[in-house]
Amino acid sequence: MARPRKPLLSTDRIVATARELVDAEGLAAVSTRRLAAELGVSGPSLYNHFRTKDEILEAVADSVSAQVDLSMFEDGRNWRDALHEWAVSYRAALRAHPHIVPVLASGPGRRPAALRLADAVFGAMVDAGWPPAQATSIGALMRYFVMGSALGSFAGGFVDDAAAYDPGDYPHLGQAHLLAERQQKIDDRAFETGLSALLEGLAQQYEQSATAG
């Protein structure tokens, strides 16, 4: 029997193709018609795997959540170091696929990888001695911080034109035109600065709770 000219359609292949489209062109680029064309299949064949375009985007979002490393919550390290390493991994996954962040921001819903992520963070905080309510707040806080850092670039928001920052109008922005060319370094440093400050604040709360207890 002759081998098929194209790989058989599968859920994983649909998700991978949709993720490539989202990465390259944004959420608006994904439609069942466009996906079918990219996959070389008929549109109706997609419905054997997904009922709607939204289900496909949910699956793409979950495939990104699955890229986040959770091993730091299982190897015995302390909660602060684990949160730091997890946040770095989480941000790396989101920065690699920034266009899917709005879907991820809606919450884990029923997405398995996203639920495993939430479960790992919450469980690790409770196991470390945080009260459940506070552990929930920490998970939410970390999510807000990491997603916010992935949604845009502070440094990239400035233009590479010294004339745009007239010292008469903006006396403290004389070097702002240099930010764009140093975008990654500045954004990475800002993330680490914020993450360190956030974790230091949590560590102080943790110590105060232990002392009060």
N, C-alpha and C. Protein backbone atom coordinates (compact mmCIF):
# COMPACT_ATOMS: atom_id res chain seq x y z
N MET A 1 0.86 -1.19 0.00
CA MET A 1 0.00 0.00 0.00
C MET A 1 0.89 1.24 0.00
N ALA A 2 0.55 2.19 -0.85
CA ALA A 2 1.35 3.41 -0.94
C ALA A 2 1.22 4.22 0.35
N ARG A 3 2.31 4.86 0.76
CA ARG A 3 2.27 5.70 1.95
C ARG A 3 1.56 7.01 1.62
N PRO A 4 0.83 7.61 2.58
CA PRO A 4 0.14 8.88 2.32
C PRO A 4 1.14 9.98 2.01
N ARG A 5 0.76 10.88 1.12
CA ARG A 5 1.65 11.95 0.71
C ARG A 5 1.87 12.96 1.82
N LYS A 6 0.87 13.12 2.69
CA LYS A 6 0.99 14.06 3.80
C LYS A 6 0.81 13.31 5.12
N PRO A 7 1.43 13.79 6.20
CA PRO A 7 1.22 13.15 7.49
C PRO A 7 -0.26 13.15 7.84
N LEU A 8 -0.71 12.08 8.48
CA LEU A 8 -2.10 12.02 8.88
C LEU A 8 -2.41 13.14 9.86
N LEU A 9 -3.64 13.67 9.77
CA LEU A 9 -4.05 14.75 10.66
C LEU A 9 -4.16 14.22 12.08
N SER A 10 -3.64 15.00 13.02
CA SER A 10 -3.71 14.63 14.43
C SER A 10 -3.92 15.89 15.26
N THR A 11 -4.36 15.69 16.49
CA THR A 11 -4.55 16.82 17.40
C THR A 11 -3.24 17.58 17.58
N ASP A 12 -2.15 16.85 17.79
CA ASP A 12 -0.86 17.51 18.01
C ASP A 12 -0.43 18.33 16.79
N ARG A 13 -0.69 17.80 15.62
CA ARG A 13 -0.29 18.52 14.40
C ARG A 13 -1.13 19.79 14.22
N ILE A 14 -2.41 19.70 14.53
CA ILE A 14 -3.27 20.89 14.44
C ILE A 14 -2.78 21.95 15.42
N VAL A 15 -2.51 21.54 16.65
CA VAL A 15 -2.08 22.50 17.68
C VAL A 15 -0.74 23.12 17.31
N ALA A 16 0.19 22.32 16.83
CA ALA A 16 1.50 22.86 16.45
C ALA A 16 1.39 23.86 15.32
N THR A 17 0.55 23.56 14.33
CA THR A 17 0.37 24.47 13.20
C THR A 17 -0.31 25.75 13.65
N ALA A 18 -1.33 25.62 14.50
CA ALA A 18 -2.02 26.81 15.01
C ALA A 18 -1.07 27.67 15.84
N ARG A 19 -0.23 27.03 16.63
CA ARG A 19 0.73 27.78 17.45
C ARG A 19 1.70 28.54 16.57
N GLU A 20 2.15 27.94 15.49
CA GLU A 20 3.05 28.63 14.56
C GLU A 20 2.36 29.84 13.94
N LEU A 21 1.08 29.70 13.60
CA LEU A 21 0.33 30.83 13.05
C LEU A 21 0.20 31.96 14.07
N VAL A 22 -0.15 31.59 15.30
CA VAL A 22 -0.29 32.60 16.35
C VAL A 22 1.03 33.32 16.58
N ASP A 23 2.11 32.56 16.65
CA ASP A 23 3.43 33.16 16.87
C ASP A 23 3.80 34.13 15.76
N ALA A 24 3.49 33.75 14.53
CA ALA A 24 3.92 34.55 13.38
C ALA A 24 3.00 35.74 13.11
N GLU A 25 1.68 35.55 13.32
CA GLU A 25 0.74 36.57 12.86
C GLU A 25 -0.29 37.01 13.90
N GLY A 26 -0.32 36.37 15.05
CA GLY A 26 -1.27 36.77 16.08
C GLY A 26 -2.53 35.93 16.07
N LEU A 27 -3.37 36.15 17.07
CA LEU A 27 -4.58 35.35 17.25
C LEU A 27 -5.53 35.46 16.06
N ALA A 28 -5.60 36.63 15.47
CA ALA A 28 -6.55 36.85 14.37
C ALA A 28 -6.24 36.00 13.15
N ALA A 29 -5.02 35.51 13.06
CA ALA A 29 -4.63 34.72 11.89
C ALA A 29 -5.24 33.32 11.91
N VAL A 30 -5.70 32.88 13.07
CA VAL A 30 -6.20 31.51 13.20
C VAL A 30 -7.68 31.45 12.85
N SER A 31 -7.98 30.65 11.86
CA SER A 31 -9.36 30.31 11.49
C SER A 31 -9.33 28.86 11.02
N THR A 32 -10.47 28.21 11.06
CA THR A 32 -10.49 26.82 10.60
C THR A 32 -10.13 26.74 9.12
N ARG A 33 -10.54 27.71 8.35
CA ARG A 33 -10.21 27.71 6.92
C ARG A 33 -8.71 27.85 6.71
N ARG A 34 -8.10 28.79 7.43
CA ARG A 34 -6.66 29.01 7.28
C ARG A 34 -5.88 27.79 7.76
N LEU A 35 -6.30 27.23 8.89
CA LEU A 35 -5.62 26.05 9.41
C LEU A 35 -5.71 24.88 8.45
N ALA A 36 -6.90 24.67 7.90
CA ALA A 36 -7.08 23.57 6.95
C ALA A 36 -6.15 23.73 5.76
N ALA A 37 -6.03 24.98 5.28
CA ALA A 37 -5.15 25.24 4.14
C ALA A 37 -3.69 24.96 4.50
N GLU A 38 -3.28 25.40 5.70
CA GLU A 38 -1.90 25.17 6.13
C GLU A 38 -1.60 23.68 6.29
N LEU A 39 -2.61 22.93 6.71
CA LEU A 39 -2.43 21.50 6.96
C LEU A 39 -2.65 20.66 5.71
N GLY A 40 -3.20 21.27 4.68
CA GLY A 40 -3.46 20.54 3.44
C GLY A 40 -4.62 19.56 3.56
N VAL A 41 -5.63 19.96 4.35
CA VAL A 41 -6.80 19.09 4.53
C VAL A 41 -8.06 19.91 4.27
N SER A 42 -9.18 19.24 4.28
CA SER A 42 -10.46 19.93 4.14
C SER A 42 -10.88 20.48 5.49
N GLY A 43 -11.58 21.61 5.49
CA GLY A 43 -12.01 22.24 6.73
C GLY A 43 -12.77 21.32 7.67
N PRO A 44 -13.75 20.58 7.18
CA PRO A 44 -14.54 19.73 8.07
C PRO A 44 -13.72 18.68 8.82
N SER A 45 -12.58 18.29 8.28
CA SER A 45 -11.79 17.26 8.94
C SER A 45 -11.25 17.74 10.29
N LEU A 46 -11.12 19.07 10.46
CA LEU A 46 -10.66 19.60 11.74
C LEU A 46 -11.65 19.31 12.85
N TYR A 47 -12.92 19.23 12.48
CA TYR A 47 -13.96 19.06 13.49
C TYR A 47 -13.97 17.65 14.08
N ASN A 48 -13.19 16.76 13.53
CA ASN A 48 -13.01 15.45 14.15
C ASN A 48 -12.13 15.55 15.40
N HIS A 49 -11.43 16.68 15.54
CA HIS A 49 -10.51 16.87 16.66
C HIS A 49 -10.92 18.04 17.55
N PHE A 50 -11.45 19.11 16.96
CA PHE A 50 -11.87 20.28 17.71
C PHE A 50 -13.22 20.77 17.18
N ARG A 51 -14.09 21.17 18.10
CA ARG A 51 -15.42 21.62 17.68
C ARG A 51 -15.41 23.06 17.19
N THR A 52 -14.53 23.90 17.76
CA THR A 52 -14.52 25.32 17.42
C THR A 52 -13.09 25.86 17.35
N LYS A 53 -12.97 27.04 16.78
CA LYS A 53 -11.67 27.71 16.77
C LYS A 53 -11.21 28.01 18.19
N ASP A 54 -12.15 28.39 19.06
CA ASP A 54 -11.77 28.69 20.45
C ASP A 54 -11.15 27.49 21.13
N GLU A 55 -11.66 26.29 20.83
CA GLU A 55 -11.07 25.09 21.41
C GLU A 55 -9.63 24.90 20.93
N ILE A 56 -9.39 25.25 19.68
CA ILE A 56 -8.02 25.14 19.15
C ILE A 56 -7.10 26.12 19.88
N LEU A 57 -7.56 27.34 20.08
CA LEU A 57 -6.74 28.33 20.78
C LEU A 57 -6.51 27.93 22.23
N GLU A 58 -7.52 27.32 22.85
CA GLU A 58 -7.34 26.82 24.22
C GLU A 58 -6.24 25.76 24.24
N ALA A 59 -6.24 24.90 23.25
CA ALA A 59 -5.22 23.85 23.18
C ALA A 59 -3.84 24.44 22.92
N VAL A 60 -3.76 25.48 22.10
CA VAL A 60 -2.49 26.16 21.87
C VAL A 60 -1.98 26.76 23.17
N ALA A 61 -2.87 27.43 23.89
CA ALA A 61 -2.48 28.03 25.17
C ALA A 61 -1.96 26.97 26.12
N ASP A 62 -2.63 25.82 26.15
CA ASP A 62 -2.20 24.78 27.08
C ASP A 62 -0.86 24.18 26.67
N SER A 63 -0.61 24.14 25.37
CA SER A 63 0.68 23.63 24.91
C SER A 63 1.82 24.54 25.36
N VAL A 64 1.53 25.83 25.52
CA VAL A 64 2.54 26.77 26.02
C VAL A 64 2.71 26.58 27.53
N SER A 65 1.61 26.41 28.25
CA SER A 65 1.71 26.14 29.69
C SER A 65 2.53 24.88 29.95
N ALA A 66 2.43 23.91 29.06
CA ALA A 66 3.16 22.65 29.23
C ALA A 66 4.67 22.84 29.10
N GLN A 67 5.10 23.97 28.53
CA GLN A 67 6.53 24.24 28.38
C GLN A 67 7.18 24.76 29.66
N VAL A 68 6.35 25.12 30.64
CA VAL A 68 6.87 25.68 31.89
C VAL A 68 7.41 24.57 32.78
N ASP A 69 8.63 24.73 33.23
CA ASP A 69 9.27 23.73 34.10
C ASP A 69 8.64 23.76 35.49
N LEU A 70 8.26 22.61 36.01
CA LEU A 70 7.70 22.51 37.36
C LEU A 70 8.58 21.66 38.28
N SER A 71 9.71 21.21 37.78
CA SER A 71 10.55 20.29 38.55
C SER A 71 11.07 20.91 39.84
N MET A 72 11.18 22.23 39.89
CA MET A 72 11.72 22.89 41.08
C MET A 72 10.81 22.74 42.30
N PHE A 73 9.56 22.36 42.06
CA PHE A 73 8.65 22.14 43.17
C PHE A 73 8.71 20.69 43.67
N GLU A 74 9.54 19.90 43.04
CA GLU A 74 9.59 18.47 43.39
C GLU A 74 10.97 18.02 43.87
N ASP A 75 11.95 18.91 43.86
CA ASP A 75 13.32 18.47 44.17
C ASP A 75 13.81 18.90 45.55
N GLY A 76 12.88 19.39 46.38
CA GLY A 76 13.24 19.68 47.76
C GLY A 76 13.81 21.06 48.02
N ARG A 77 13.91 21.91 47.02
CA ARG A 77 14.47 23.24 47.30
C ARG A 77 13.44 24.09 48.05
N ASN A 78 13.89 25.17 48.69
CA ASN A 78 12.98 25.98 49.48
C ASN A 78 12.01 26.76 48.58
N TRP A 79 10.90 27.19 49.17
CA TRP A 79 9.81 27.77 48.39
C TRP A 79 10.24 29.02 47.63
N ARG A 80 11.12 29.83 48.25
CA ARG A 80 11.53 31.08 47.59
C ARG A 80 12.36 30.81 46.33
N ASP A 81 13.33 29.91 46.43
CA ASP A 81 14.14 29.56 45.27
C ASP A 81 13.28 28.90 44.19
N ALA A 82 12.35 28.06 44.63
CA ALA A 82 11.48 27.37 43.67
C ALA A 82 10.61 28.38 42.91
N LEU A 83 10.04 29.34 43.62
CA LEU A 83 9.22 30.35 42.96
C LEU A 83 10.05 31.16 41.96
N HIS A 84 11.27 31.47 42.33
CA HIS A 84 12.14 32.24 41.43
C HIS A 84 12.39 31.47 40.14
N GLU A 85 12.80 30.22 40.26
CA GLU A 85 13.11 29.44 39.07
C GLU A 85 11.87 29.19 38.23
N TRP A 86 10.76 28.97 38.89
CA TRP A 86 9.50 28.77 38.16
C TRP A 86 9.11 30.03 37.39
N ALA A 87 9.23 31.19 38.03
CA ALA A 87 8.87 32.44 37.37
C ALA A 87 9.74 32.69 36.14
N VAL A 88 11.02 32.37 36.24
CA VAL A 88 11.92 32.53 35.10
C VAL A 88 11.50 31.61 33.95
N SER A 89 11.17 30.37 34.27
CA SER A 89 10.73 29.43 33.23
C SER A 89 9.40 29.85 32.63
N TYR A 90 8.50 30.29 33.47
CA TYR A 90 7.17 30.74 33.02
C TYR A 90 7.31 31.92 32.06
N ARG A 91 8.12 32.89 32.44
CA ARG A 91 8.32 34.06 31.58
C ARG A 91 8.95 33.67 30.25
N ALA A 92 9.90 32.74 30.28
CA ALA A 92 10.55 32.31 29.04
C ALA A 92 9.54 31.70 28.09
N ALA A 93 8.62 30.89 28.61
CA ALA A 93 7.60 30.28 27.76
C ALA A 93 6.69 31.33 27.17
N LEU A 94 6.28 32.29 27.97
CA LEU A 94 5.37 33.33 27.48
C LEU A 94 6.06 34.26 26.49
N ARG A 95 7.31 34.58 26.73
CA ARG A 95 8.03 35.45 25.81
C ARG A 95 8.28 34.78 24.46
N ALA A 96 8.36 33.47 24.47
CA ALA A 96 8.53 32.74 23.22
C ALA A 96 7.23 32.70 22.42
N HIS A 97 6.09 32.90 23.10
CA HIS A 97 4.78 32.85 22.45
C HIS A 97 3.89 33.99 22.97
N PRO A 98 4.30 35.24 22.80
CA PRO A 98 3.59 36.35 23.44
C PRO A 98 2.16 36.57 22.95
N HIS A 99 1.86 36.19 21.72
CA HIS A 99 0.51 36.45 21.20
C HIS A 99 -0.56 35.60 21.86
N ILE A 100 -0.17 34.51 22.50
CA ILE A 100 -1.16 33.64 23.14
C ILE A 100 -1.43 34.07 24.58
N VAL A 101 -0.70 35.04 25.09
CA VAL A 101 -0.85 35.47 26.48
C VAL A 101 -2.29 35.91 26.80
N PRO A 102 -2.99 36.65 25.92
CA PRO A 102 -4.37 37.02 26.26
C PRO A 102 -5.27 35.81 26.52
N VAL A 103 -5.04 34.70 25.84
CA VAL A 103 -5.84 33.50 26.10
C VAL A 103 -5.44 32.91 27.44
N LEU A 104 -4.16 32.86 27.72
CA LEU A 104 -3.69 32.34 29.00
C LEU A 104 -4.19 33.20 30.16
N ALA A 105 -4.31 34.50 29.91
CA ALA A 105 -4.71 35.42 30.98
C ALA A 105 -6.14 35.19 31.45
N SER A 106 -6.93 34.48 30.67
CA SER A 106 -8.32 34.22 31.07
C SER A 106 -8.40 33.21 32.20
N GLY A 107 -7.29 32.57 32.53
CA GLY A 107 -7.28 31.59 33.61
C GLY A 107 -7.14 30.18 33.07
N PRO A 108 -6.88 29.21 33.95
CA PRO A 108 -6.64 27.84 33.50
C PRO A 108 -7.86 27.12 32.98
N GLY A 109 -9.05 27.53 33.43
CA GLY A 109 -10.26 26.87 32.95
C GLY A 109 -10.19 25.36 33.14
N ARG A 110 -10.31 24.63 32.03
CA ARG A 110 -10.21 23.17 32.06
C ARG A 110 -8.92 22.66 31.41
N ARG A 111 -7.97 23.56 31.16
CA ARG A 111 -6.76 23.15 30.46
C ARG A 111 -5.84 22.35 31.38
N PRO A 112 -5.52 21.11 31.02
CA PRO A 112 -4.76 20.23 31.93
C PRO A 112 -3.40 20.77 32.35
N ALA A 113 -2.59 21.24 31.40
CA ALA A 113 -1.25 21.71 31.76
C ALA A 113 -1.32 22.94 32.65
N ALA A 114 -2.27 23.84 32.36
CA ALA A 114 -2.42 25.04 33.18
C ALA A 114 -2.89 24.68 34.58
N LEU A 115 -3.76 23.69 34.69
CA LEU A 115 -4.22 23.25 36.01
C LEU A 115 -3.08 22.58 36.79
N ARG A 116 -2.24 21.82 36.10
CA ARG A 116 -1.08 21.22 36.78
C ARG A 116 -0.14 22.29 37.29
N LEU A 117 0.01 23.36 36.51
CA LEU A 117 0.86 24.47 36.91
C LEU A 117 0.31 25.12 38.17
N ALA A 118 -0.99 25.44 38.16
CA ALA A 118 -1.61 26.08 39.33
C ALA A 118 -1.53 25.16 40.55
N ASP A 119 -1.75 23.89 40.34
CA ASP A 119 -1.71 22.92 41.43
C ASP A 119 -0.32 22.82 42.03
N ALA A 120 0.70 22.85 41.18
CA ALA A 120 2.08 22.73 41.66
C ALA A 120 2.48 23.93 42.52
N VAL A 121 2.12 25.14 42.06
CA VAL A 121 2.48 26.34 42.81
C VAL A 121 1.74 26.37 44.15
N PHE A 122 0.43 26.15 44.11
CA PHE A 122 -0.37 26.18 45.33
C PHE A 122 0.11 25.11 46.31
N GLY A 123 0.30 23.91 45.82
CA GLY A 123 0.73 22.81 46.68
C GLY A 123 2.07 23.08 47.33
N ALA A 124 3.00 23.64 46.56
CA ALA A 124 4.32 23.91 47.10
C ALA A 124 4.26 24.97 48.20
N MET A 125 3.42 25.98 48.02
CA MET A 125 3.31 27.03 49.03
C MET A 125 2.66 26.49 50.31
N VAL A 126 1.62 25.69 50.16
CA VAL A 126 0.98 25.10 51.34
C VAL A 126 1.94 24.16 52.06
N ASP A 127 2.67 23.36 51.30
CA ASP A 127 3.64 22.44 51.90
C ASP A 127 4.74 23.20 52.64
N ALA A 128 5.04 24.42 52.18
CA ALA A 128 6.09 25.22 52.82
C ALA A 128 5.59 25.90 54.09
N GLY A 129 4.28 25.83 54.33
CA GLY A 129 3.75 26.41 55.56
C GLY A 129 2.89 27.64 55.38
N TRP A 130 2.68 28.07 54.12
CA TRP A 130 1.80 29.21 53.89
C TRP A 130 0.35 28.75 54.11
N PRO A 131 -0.49 29.59 54.73
CA PRO A 131 -1.91 29.27 54.84
C PRO A 131 -2.52 29.18 53.43
N PRO A 132 -3.52 28.32 53.23
CA PRO A 132 -4.09 28.15 51.89
C PRO A 132 -4.54 29.46 51.23
N ALA A 133 -5.17 30.35 52.01
CA ALA A 133 -5.62 31.61 51.41
C ALA A 133 -4.44 32.44 50.91
N GLN A 134 -3.36 32.46 51.68
CA GLN A 134 -2.17 33.20 51.27
C GLN A 134 -1.48 32.53 50.11
N ALA A 135 -1.50 31.20 50.09
CA ALA A 135 -0.90 30.47 48.97
C ALA A 135 -1.62 30.79 47.67
N THR A 136 -2.95 30.92 47.76
CA THR A 136 -3.73 31.31 46.58
C THR A 136 -3.34 32.70 46.11
N SER A 137 -3.19 33.62 47.06
CA SER A 137 -2.80 34.99 46.71
C SER A 137 -1.42 35.03 46.07
N ILE A 138 -0.51 34.21 46.57
CA ILE A 138 0.85 34.18 46.01
C ILE A 138 0.81 33.67 44.57
N GLY A 139 0.04 32.62 44.32
CA GLY A 139 -0.09 32.12 42.96
C GLY A 139 -0.63 33.17 42.02
N ALA A 140 -1.66 33.89 42.47
CA ALA A 140 -2.25 34.95 41.64
C ALA A 140 -1.25 36.08 41.42
N LEU A 141 -0.56 36.48 42.48
CA LEU A 141 0.42 37.56 42.38
C LEU A 141 1.53 37.22 41.39
N MET A 142 2.06 36.02 41.48
CA MET A 142 3.12 35.62 40.58
C MET A 142 2.62 35.60 39.13
N ARG A 143 1.40 35.13 38.96
CA ARG A 143 0.84 35.08 37.60
C ARG A 143 0.68 36.49 37.02
N TYR A 144 0.18 37.42 37.82
CA TYR A 144 0.04 38.80 37.36
C TYR A 144 1.40 39.36 36.95
N PHE A 145 2.39 39.14 37.79
CA PHE A 145 3.72 39.70 37.55
C PHE A 145 4.35 39.13 36.29
N VAL A 146 4.32 37.81 36.16
CA VAL A 146 4.98 37.17 35.02
C VAL A 146 4.26 37.51 33.72
N MET A 147 2.94 37.43 33.73
CA MET A 147 2.20 37.74 32.50
C MET A 147 2.38 39.20 32.10
N GLY A 148 2.38 40.09 33.07
CA GLY A 148 2.59 41.49 32.75
C GLY A 148 3.93 41.73 32.11
N SER A 149 4.95 41.02 32.57
CA SER A 149 6.29 41.19 32.02
C SER A 149 6.38 40.66 30.59
N ALA A 150 5.48 39.74 30.24
CA ALA A 150 5.52 39.12 28.91
C ALA A 150 4.66 39.85 27.90
N LEU A 151 3.75 40.71 28.37
CA LEU A 151 2.81 41.35 27.46
C LEU A 151 3.42 42.47 26.63
N GLY A 152 4.49 43.04 27.11
CA GLY A 152 5.10 44.12 26.35
C GLY A 152 6.49 44.42 26.86
N SER A 153 7.17 45.30 26.16
CA SER A 153 8.53 45.68 26.53
C SER A 153 8.56 47.14 26.93
N PHE A 154 9.02 47.42 28.13
CA PHE A 154 9.18 48.82 28.55
C PHE A 154 10.20 49.52 27.67
N ALA A 155 11.37 48.91 27.53
CA ALA A 155 12.44 49.53 26.75
C ALA A 155 12.04 49.67 25.28
N GLY A 156 11.32 48.66 24.76
CA GLY A 156 10.92 48.70 23.36
C GLY A 156 9.87 49.75 23.06
N GLY A 157 9.32 50.36 24.10
CA GLY A 157 8.29 51.38 23.89
C GLY A 157 8.85 52.76 23.58
N PHE A 158 10.16 52.90 23.63
CA PHE A 158 10.80 54.18 23.31
C PHE A 158 11.38 54.12 21.90
N VAL A 159 11.37 55.24 21.20
CA VAL A 159 11.85 55.27 19.83
C VAL A 159 13.33 55.62 19.79
N ASP A 160 13.99 55.17 18.76
CA ASP A 160 15.43 55.41 18.59
C ASP A 160 15.65 56.74 17.89
N ASP A 161 15.24 57.81 18.56
CA ASP A 161 15.32 59.15 17.97
C ASP A 161 15.46 60.17 19.10
N ALA A 162 16.65 60.69 19.27
CA ALA A 162 16.91 61.63 20.37
C ALA A 162 16.01 62.85 20.28
N ALA A 163 15.61 63.24 19.07
CA ALA A 163 14.79 64.44 18.88
C ALA A 163 13.40 64.27 19.48
N ALA A 164 12.99 63.03 19.71
CA ALA A 164 11.65 62.80 20.25
C ALA A 164 11.56 63.17 21.72
N TYR A 165 12.72 63.38 22.37
CA TYR A 165 12.73 63.63 23.80
C TYR A 165 13.40 64.98 24.10
N ASP A 166 12.71 66.01 23.70
CA ASP A 166 13.18 67.37 23.91
C ASP A 166 13.37 67.62 25.41
N PRO A 167 14.58 67.98 25.83
CA PRO A 167 14.83 68.21 27.26
C PRO A 167 13.95 69.31 27.85
N GLY A 168 13.45 70.19 26.99
CA GLY A 168 12.54 71.21 27.48
C GLY A 168 11.22 70.63 27.95
N ASP A 169 10.83 69.55 27.32
CA ASP A 169 9.58 68.88 27.69
C ASP A 169 9.81 67.70 28.64
N TYR A 170 10.92 66.99 28.42
CA TYR A 170 11.22 65.78 29.20
C TYR A 170 12.64 65.85 29.73
N PRO A 171 12.85 66.64 30.78
CA PRO A 171 14.21 66.90 31.26
C PRO A 171 14.97 65.66 31.75
N HIS A 172 14.28 64.58 32.03
CA HIS A 172 14.95 63.39 32.56
C HIS A 172 15.03 62.25 31.56
N LEU A 173 14.67 62.51 30.31
CA LEU A 173 14.67 61.45 29.30
C LEU A 173 15.73 61.66 28.22
N GLY A 174 16.83 62.29 28.59
CA GLY A 174 17.88 62.57 27.61
C GLY A 174 18.50 61.35 26.99
N GLN A 175 18.44 60.21 27.68
CA GLN A 175 19.03 58.97 27.16
C GLN A 175 17.96 57.96 26.73
N ALA A 176 16.73 58.38 26.72
CA ALA A 176 15.64 57.45 26.44
C ALA A 176 15.72 56.83 25.05
N HIS A 177 16.32 57.56 24.10
CA HIS A 177 16.41 57.03 22.74
C HIS A 177 17.36 55.83 22.64
N LEU A 178 18.15 55.60 23.68
CA LEU A 178 19.08 54.47 23.69
C LEU A 178 18.44 53.19 24.23
N LEU A 179 17.26 53.31 24.81
CA LEU A 179 16.64 52.15 25.46
C LEU A 179 16.29 51.05 24.48
N ALA A 180 15.76 51.41 23.32
CA ALA A 180 15.27 50.39 22.39
C ALA A 180 16.37 49.42 21.96
N GLU A 181 17.58 49.94 21.73
CA GLU A 181 18.66 49.06 21.26
C GLU A 181 19.18 48.15 22.37
N ARG A 182 18.82 48.46 23.62
CA ARG A 182 19.23 47.63 24.76
C ARG A 182 18.02 46.92 25.37
N GLN A 183 17.02 46.72 24.56
CA GLN A 183 15.72 46.25 25.03
C GLN A 183 15.81 44.99 25.87
N GLN A 184 16.41 43.94 25.35
CA GLN A 184 16.41 42.67 26.07
C GLN A 184 17.13 42.78 27.41
N LYS A 185 18.28 43.42 27.43
CA LYS A 185 19.05 43.55 28.66
C LYS A 185 18.26 44.33 29.70
N ILE A 186 17.63 45.43 29.28
CA ILE A 186 16.88 46.26 30.22
C ILE A 186 15.66 45.52 30.74
N ASP A 187 14.93 44.88 29.84
CA ASP A 187 13.72 44.17 30.26
C ASP A 187 14.05 42.99 31.16
N ASP A 188 15.13 42.27 30.86
CA ASP A 188 15.54 41.15 31.71
C ASP A 188 15.95 41.65 33.10
N ARG A 189 16.67 42.76 33.12
CA ARG A 189 17.11 43.31 34.40
C ARG A 189 15.92 43.82 35.21
N ALA A 190 14.96 44.42 34.53
CA ALA A 190 13.76 44.90 35.23
C ALA A 190 12.97 43.74 35.82
N PHE A 191 12.87 42.65 35.05
CA PHE A 191 12.16 41.48 35.55
C PHE A 191 12.84 40.91 36.80
N GLU A 192 14.15 40.77 36.74
CA GLU A 192 14.88 40.23 37.88
C GLU A 192 14.79 41.16 39.09
N THR A 193 14.83 42.47 38.85
CA THR A 193 14.71 43.43 39.94
C THR A 193 13.35 43.31 40.62
N GLY A 194 12.30 43.25 39.81
CA GLY A 194 10.96 43.13 40.35
C GLY A 194 10.73 41.80 41.05
N LEU A 195 11.24 40.72 40.44
CA LEU A 195 11.06 39.40 41.02
C LEU A 195 11.78 39.30 42.37
N SER A 196 12.99 39.82 42.43
CA SER A 196 13.74 39.79 43.69
C SER A 196 13.03 40.58 44.78
N ALA A 197 12.52 41.75 44.42
CA ALA A 197 11.80 42.58 45.40
C ALA A 197 10.53 41.90 45.86
N LEU A 198 9.82 41.29 44.93
CA LEU A 198 8.59 40.59 45.27
C LEU A 198 8.86 39.44 46.24
N LEU A 199 9.86 38.63 45.92
CA LEU A 199 10.17 37.47 46.75
C LEU A 199 10.72 37.90 48.11
N GLU A 200 11.47 38.99 48.15
CA GLU A 200 11.98 39.49 49.42
C GLU A 200 10.82 39.93 50.32
N GLY A 201 9.83 40.58 49.71
CA GLY A 201 8.66 40.99 50.48
C GLY A 201 7.89 39.79 51.02
N LEU A 202 7.74 38.76 50.19
CA LEU A 202 7.06 37.55 50.65
C LEU A 202 7.85 36.86 51.76
N ALA A 203 9.17 36.85 51.63
CA ALA A 203 10.00 36.22 52.66
C ALA A 203 9.83 36.92 54.00
N GLN A 204 9.71 38.24 53.97
CA GLN A 204 9.50 38.98 55.21
C GLN A 204 8.15 38.63 55.83
N GLN A 205 7.12 38.52 54.97
CA GLN A 205 5.80 38.12 55.48
C GLN A 205 5.86 36.71 56.08
N TYR A 206 6.59 35.84 55.43
CA TYR A 206 6.71 34.45 55.89
C TYR A 206 7.37 34.41 57.27
N GLU A 207 8.44 35.17 57.45
CA GLU A 207 9.14 35.19 58.72
C GLU A 207 8.27 35.80 59.82
N GLN A 208 7.52 36.84 59.47
CA GLN A 208 6.63 37.46 60.45
C GLN A 208 5.54 36.50 60.89
N SER A 209 5.02 35.74 59.92
CA SER A 209 3.97 34.75 60.25
C SER A 209 4.53 33.68 61.16
N ALA A 210 5.75 33.24 60.87
CA ALA A 210 6.37 32.20 61.69
C ALA A 210 6.61 32.70 63.11
N THR A 211 7.05 33.97 63.24
CA THR A 211 7.30 34.55 64.55
C THR A 211 6.02 34.72 65.34
N ALA A 212 4.98 35.18 64.64
CA ALA A 212 3.69 35.38 65.30
C ALA A 212 3.08 34.07 65.74
N GLY A 213 3.34 33.00 64.93
CA GLY A 213 2.79 31.70 65.26
C GLY A 213 3.48 31.09 66.45
